[in-house]
Amino acid sequence: MTPAALIFDVDGTLSETEDCHRRAFNETFAAFGLDWHWDRARYRRLLDVTGGKERIAHFIATHDPPGGAAIAELHAAKTARYVELIAAGAAALRPGVRRLIAEARTAGVPVAIATTTSLLNVEALVRTTLGPDSLDWFAAIGAGDMVAHKKPAPDVYQLVLDRLGLPGGACVAIEDSENGLASARAAGLATVVTPSVYTDDQRFDGALAVVSDLGEPGRPFRPIAGAATAPGVVTLEVLAGWCAGGGILGASPP
């Protein structure tokens, strides 16, 4: 059966945005006169903490860096810088994202977003990569600043499901991280994982399928684990087949 809705994560899933976030953090730190710098290795570890404000707080608590500033002020400035970078074209959609969204819209399947990032970041990325009117394509958008608990808690997925009026078991999530997978699975969604450059070393037990990306005609995805056993293109029909097969990674045998 065709999924009743597709729910996409944003950072690392719609687009490889994490280095844009990292750049925005570092440029904001410099603008505030802070001698802080998050290189790629450190940022990979920091991504285990979901949420920008939470990430800054964790860094301060665990590294005791010199200098200081109000976390909310730092994060607001970082968000503004990130939005500027995205508007200037610093990030592109990952393979297959635009195609699958277009297919779902044509088929009348609602498309939604469930993310830990802030609504301002979502709006900037969607408008820049999909077009100025593309926010209207999404039947529901749940962002990290709308819920009490961020991923891996299921709050943002449950918010989106409530707005869609659909049960989790009828929908499919597209994610890129362990935290995102745990969040979606806790809300009852079958989940396809497309690991990003910052999450390609993580484990994805519980995923329906793990693939390099969503694939494009002439540029198929590379199957990594789960229901995807051959190169291809993720379509609504493929998702329906995977869901029907019920192949969940790490599930106990019957």
Protein backbone atom coordinates (compact mmCIF):
# COMPACT_ATOMS: atom_id res chain seq x y z
CA MET A 1 0.00 0.00 0.00
CA THR A 2 1.27 3.48 -0.87
CA PRO A 3 2.36 5.45 2.23
CA ALA A 4 -0.36 7.82 3.46
CA ALA A 5 2.28 10.56 3.87
CA LEU A 6 6.02 11.12 3.57
CA ILE A 7 7.70 12.95 6.43
CA PHE A 8 11.17 14.33 5.82
CA ASP A 9 13.87 15.35 8.24
CA VAL A 10 15.81 18.44 7.09
CA ASP A 11 19.50 18.73 8.03
CA GLY A 12 21.49 15.97 6.36
CA THR A 13 18.33 14.56 4.75
CA LEU A 14 16.90 17.21 2.43
CA SER A 15 20.36 18.70 2.06
CA GLU A 16 23.91 18.30 3.37
CA THR A 17 23.53 21.41 5.50
CA GLU A 18 25.61 20.50 8.53
CA ASP A 19 28.78 22.20 7.30
CA CYS A 20 26.70 25.34 6.72
CA HIS A 21 25.57 25.12 10.34
CA ARG A 22 29.15 24.54 11.47
CA ARG A 23 30.37 27.54 9.48
CA ALA A 24 27.58 29.71 10.92
CA PHE A 25 28.50 28.64 14.46
CA ASN A 26 32.19 29.40 13.94
CA GLU A 27 31.58 32.76 12.28
CA THR A 28 29.19 33.70 15.08
CA PHE A 29 31.72 32.72 17.73
CA ALA A 30 34.31 34.91 16.01
CA ALA A 31 31.87 37.83 15.75
CA PHE A 32 31.27 37.58 19.51
CA GLY A 33 35.02 37.60 20.17
CA LEU A 34 35.03 33.99 21.36
CA ASP A 35 38.09 31.85 20.77
CA TRP A 36 35.96 28.80 19.97
CA HIS A 37 36.24 26.73 16.81
CA TRP A 38 34.35 23.57 15.94
CA ASP A 39 36.30 21.50 13.42
CA ARG A 40 34.62 18.65 11.56
CA ALA A 41 35.72 15.96 14.02
CA ARG A 42 34.40 17.90 17.01
CA TYR A 43 31.19 18.84 15.22
CA ARG A 44 30.52 15.21 14.34
CA ARG A 45 30.60 14.44 18.07
CA LEU A 46 28.53 17.50 18.94
CA LEU A 47 25.79 16.39 16.55
CA ASP A 48 24.92 13.68 19.06
CA VAL A 49 23.34 16.59 20.96
CA THR A 50 20.20 17.67 19.10
CA GLY A 51 19.38 21.36 18.90
CA GLY A 52 21.69 24.34 18.41
CA LYS A 53 21.16 25.94 21.82
CA GLU A 54 21.58 22.55 23.46
CA ARG A 55 24.77 21.97 21.47
CA ILE A 56 26.28 25.27 22.66
CA ALA A 57 25.30 24.50 26.26
CA HIS A 58 26.84 21.04 26.03
CA PHE A 59 30.07 22.47 24.62
CA ILE A 60 30.31 25.00 27.45
CA ALA A 61 29.52 22.38 30.10
CA THR A 62 32.00 19.80 28.82
CA HIS A 63 34.88 21.92 27.51
CA ASP A 64 34.80 24.98 29.83
CA PRO A 65 35.98 27.26 26.99
CA PRO A 66 37.32 30.74 27.76
CA GLY A 67 34.95 33.63 27.27
CA GLY A 68 31.20 33.51 27.31
CA ALA A 69 27.96 34.92 25.99
CA ALA A 70 24.26 34.34 26.48
CA ILE A 71 23.36 31.10 24.75
CA ALA A 72 20.09 32.45 23.36
CA GLU A 73 21.86 35.50 21.92
CA LEU A 74 24.58 33.37 20.37
CA HIS A 75 22.07 31.01 18.85
CA ALA A 76 19.92 33.79 17.42
CA ALA A 77 22.97 35.32 15.74
CA LYS A 78 24.04 31.93 14.43
CA THR A 79 20.57 31.32 12.97
CA ALA A 80 20.66 34.68 11.21
CA ARG A 81 24.07 33.87 9.73
CA TYR A 82 22.91 30.40 8.64
CA VAL A 83 19.88 31.88 6.88
CA GLU A 84 22.21 34.29 5.03
CA LEU A 85 24.44 31.41 3.90
CA ILE A 86 21.50 29.34 2.68
CA ALA A 87 19.95 32.30 0.85
CA ALA A 88 23.30 32.78 -0.92
CA GLY A 89 23.11 29.21 -2.25
CA ALA A 90 25.47 27.44 0.17
CA ALA A 91 23.46 24.18 0.13
CA ALA A 92 21.76 22.05 -2.52
CA LEU A 93 19.18 19.28 -2.27
CA ARG A 94 20.42 15.72 -2.00
CA PRO A 95 19.82 13.37 -4.95
CA GLY A 96 16.22 12.29 -5.38
CA VAL A 97 14.67 14.70 -2.88
CA ARG A 98 12.98 17.04 -5.37
CA ARG A 99 11.93 14.10 -7.55
CA LEU A 100 10.28 12.15 -4.71
CA ILE A 101 8.52 15.23 -3.34
CA ALA A 102 7.18 15.99 -6.85
CA GLU A 103 6.00 12.40 -7.28
CA ALA A 104 4.17 12.48 -3.95
CA ARG A 105 2.47 15.78 -4.78
CA THR A 106 1.36 14.48 -8.18
CA ALA A 107 -0.04 11.34 -6.52
CA GLY A 108 -1.86 13.34 -3.84
CA VAL A 109 0.29 11.93 -1.05
CA PRO A 110 0.90 14.60 1.64
CA VAL A 111 4.49 15.62 2.26
CA ALA A 112 5.57 16.96 5.65
CA ILE A 113 8.66 17.94 7.63
CA ALA A 114 9.72 16.86 11.12
CA THR A 115 13.01 18.37 12.22
CA THR A 116 15.05 19.45 15.20
CA THR A 117 16.22 22.66 13.58
CA SER A 118 14.34 25.95 13.96
CA LEU A 119 11.47 27.02 11.72
CA LEU A 120 13.51 29.94 10.33
CA ASN A 121 16.18 27.50 9.13
CA VAL A 122 13.57 25.24 7.53
CA GLU A 123 11.92 28.11 5.71
CA ALA A 124 15.24 29.43 4.39
CA LEU A 125 16.33 26.05 3.03
CA VAL A 126 12.98 25.11 1.49
CA ARG A 127 12.45 28.45 -0.23
CA THR A 128 16.00 28.59 -1.56
CA THR A 129 16.21 25.03 -2.87
CA LEU A 130 12.62 24.29 -3.90
CA GLY A 131 11.32 27.74 -4.79
CA PRO A 132 9.74 30.79 -3.12
CA ASP A 133 6.25 29.23 -2.90
CA SER A 134 7.38 25.74 -1.92
CA LEU A 135 6.48 25.98 1.77
CA ASP A 136 2.89 25.54 0.62
CA TRP A 137 3.83 22.10 -0.72
CA PHE A 138 4.11 20.75 2.81
CA ALA A 139 0.95 19.68 4.58
CA ALA A 140 2.61 20.08 7.98
CA ILE A 141 5.93 21.35 9.29
CA GLY A 142 7.17 20.46 12.76
CA ALA A 143 10.36 22.16 13.98
CA GLY A 144 12.48 21.87 17.08
CA ASP A 145 11.23 25.15 18.55
CA MET A 146 7.64 23.83 18.50
CA VAL A 147 8.03 20.89 20.89
CA ALA A 148 9.17 20.31 24.46
CA HIS A 149 11.60 17.51 23.67
CA LYS A 150 13.78 17.23 20.57
CA LYS A 151 14.88 14.09 18.77
CA PRO A 152 15.42 11.26 19.71
CA ALA A 153 12.14 11.93 21.55
CA PRO A 154 9.13 11.37 19.25
CA ASP A 155 7.51 14.75 20.01
CA VAL A 156 8.09 16.43 16.65
CA TYR A 157 6.87 13.41 14.69
CA GLN A 158 3.80 13.14 16.89
CA LEU A 159 3.11 16.84 16.33
CA VAL A 160 3.27 16.36 12.57
CA LEU A 161 1.14 13.22 12.66
CA ASP A 162 -1.48 15.05 14.73
CA ARG A 163 -1.56 17.87 12.19
CA LEU A 164 -1.86 15.39 9.33
CA GLY A 165 -4.53 13.40 11.17
CA LEU A 166 -2.71 10.17 10.38
CA PRO A 167 -1.30 7.29 12.44
CA GLY A 168 2.45 6.72 12.37
CA GLY A 169 2.06 3.22 10.98
CA ALA A 170 0.53 4.58 7.77
CA CYS A 171 3.43 6.93 6.99
CA VAL A 172 7.10 6.74 6.04
CA ALA A 173 9.87 8.94 7.43
CA ILE A 174 13.08 9.85 5.62
CA GLU A 175 15.97 10.43 8.02
CA ASP A 176 19.78 10.55 8.11
CA SER A 177 20.77 9.90 11.75
CA GLU A 178 20.38 7.55 14.69
CA ASN A 179 18.60 10.24 16.68
CA GLY A 180 16.18 10.91 13.84
CA LEU A 181 15.56 7.21 13.29
CA ALA A 182 14.85 6.69 16.99
CA SER A 183 12.43 9.63 16.98
CA ALA A 184 10.50 8.41 13.95
CA ARG A 185 10.39 4.79 15.11
CA ALA A 186 9.15 5.85 18.56
CA ALA A 187 6.24 7.56 16.78
CA GLY A 188 5.53 4.34 14.87
CA LEU A 189 6.87 5.26 11.43
CA ALA A 190 8.70 2.97 9.06
CA THR A 191 11.91 4.85 8.32
CA VAL A 192 14.26 5.01 5.37
CA VAL A 193 17.72 6.32 6.26
CA THR A 194 20.00 8.16 3.83
CA PRO A 195 23.18 8.70 5.91
CA SER A 196 24.86 12.08 5.58
CA VAL A 197 28.56 12.90 5.61
CA TYR A 198 28.31 13.40 9.37
CA THR A 199 26.27 10.27 10.18
CA ASP A 200 27.78 7.63 7.88
CA ASP A 201 29.46 5.92 10.85
CA GLN A 202 26.25 5.46 12.85
CA ARG A 203 24.13 2.34 13.34
CA PHE A 204 20.59 2.26 12.02
CA ASP A 205 18.96 -0.69 13.75
CA GLY A 206 15.20 -0.41 13.24
CA ALA A 207 15.40 1.19 9.78
CA LEU A 208 13.25 -0.12 6.97
CA ALA A 209 16.10 0.48 4.53
CA VAL A 210 19.44 2.29 4.51
CA VAL A 211 20.49 3.72 1.14
CA SER A 212 23.16 6.17 0.04
CA ASP A 213 20.49 8.64 -1.14
CA LEU A 214 17.07 8.56 -2.79
CA GLY A 215 18.52 8.03 -6.25
CA GLU A 216 17.94 9.62 -9.63
CA PRO A 217 17.29 8.09 -13.05
CA GLY A 218 20.73 7.27 -14.40
CA ARG A 219 22.23 7.73 -10.93
CA PRO A 220 20.77 4.98 -8.71
CA PHE A 221 21.19 4.86 -4.96
CA ARG A 222 23.67 2.46 -3.42
CA PRO A 223 21.95 -0.06 -1.12
CA ILE A 224 23.55 -0.24 2.34
CA ALA A 225 21.23 -2.37 4.48
CA GLY A 226 17.68 -3.47 5.06
CA ALA A 227 14.98 -3.84 2.42
CA ALA A 228 17.05 -2.20 -0.32
CA THR A 229 18.98 -5.04 -1.93
CA ALA A 230 19.79 -3.60 -5.35
CA PRO A 231 20.63 -0.18 -6.80
CA GLY A 232 17.62 1.87 -7.80
CA VAL A 233 15.48 4.94 -7.31
CA VAL A 234 13.24 5.46 -4.26
CA THR A 235 9.66 5.94 -5.48
CA LEU A 236 6.27 5.62 -3.83
CA GLU A 237 5.99 2.15 -5.37
CA VAL A 238 9.38 1.13 -4.00
CA LEU A 239 8.46 2.42 -0.53
CA ALA A 240 5.18 0.50 -0.65
CA GLY A 241 7.07 -2.66 -1.54
CA TRP A 242 9.59 -2.21 1.23
CA CYS A 243 6.84 -1.59 3.77
CA ALA A 244 4.94 -4.65 2.60
CA GLY A 245 8.07 -6.73 3.02
CA GLY A 246 8.41 -5.54 6.60
CA GLY A 247 12.20 -5.84 6.68
CA ILE A 248 13.24 -3.90 9.77
CA LEU A 249 16.95 -3.91 10.57
CA GLY A 250 17.83 -5.47 13.89
CA ALA A 251 14.38 -7.03 14.37
CA SER A 252 14.27 -10.35 16.16
CA PRO A 253 13.46 -13.31 13.90
CA PRO A 254 9.95 -14.73 14.25
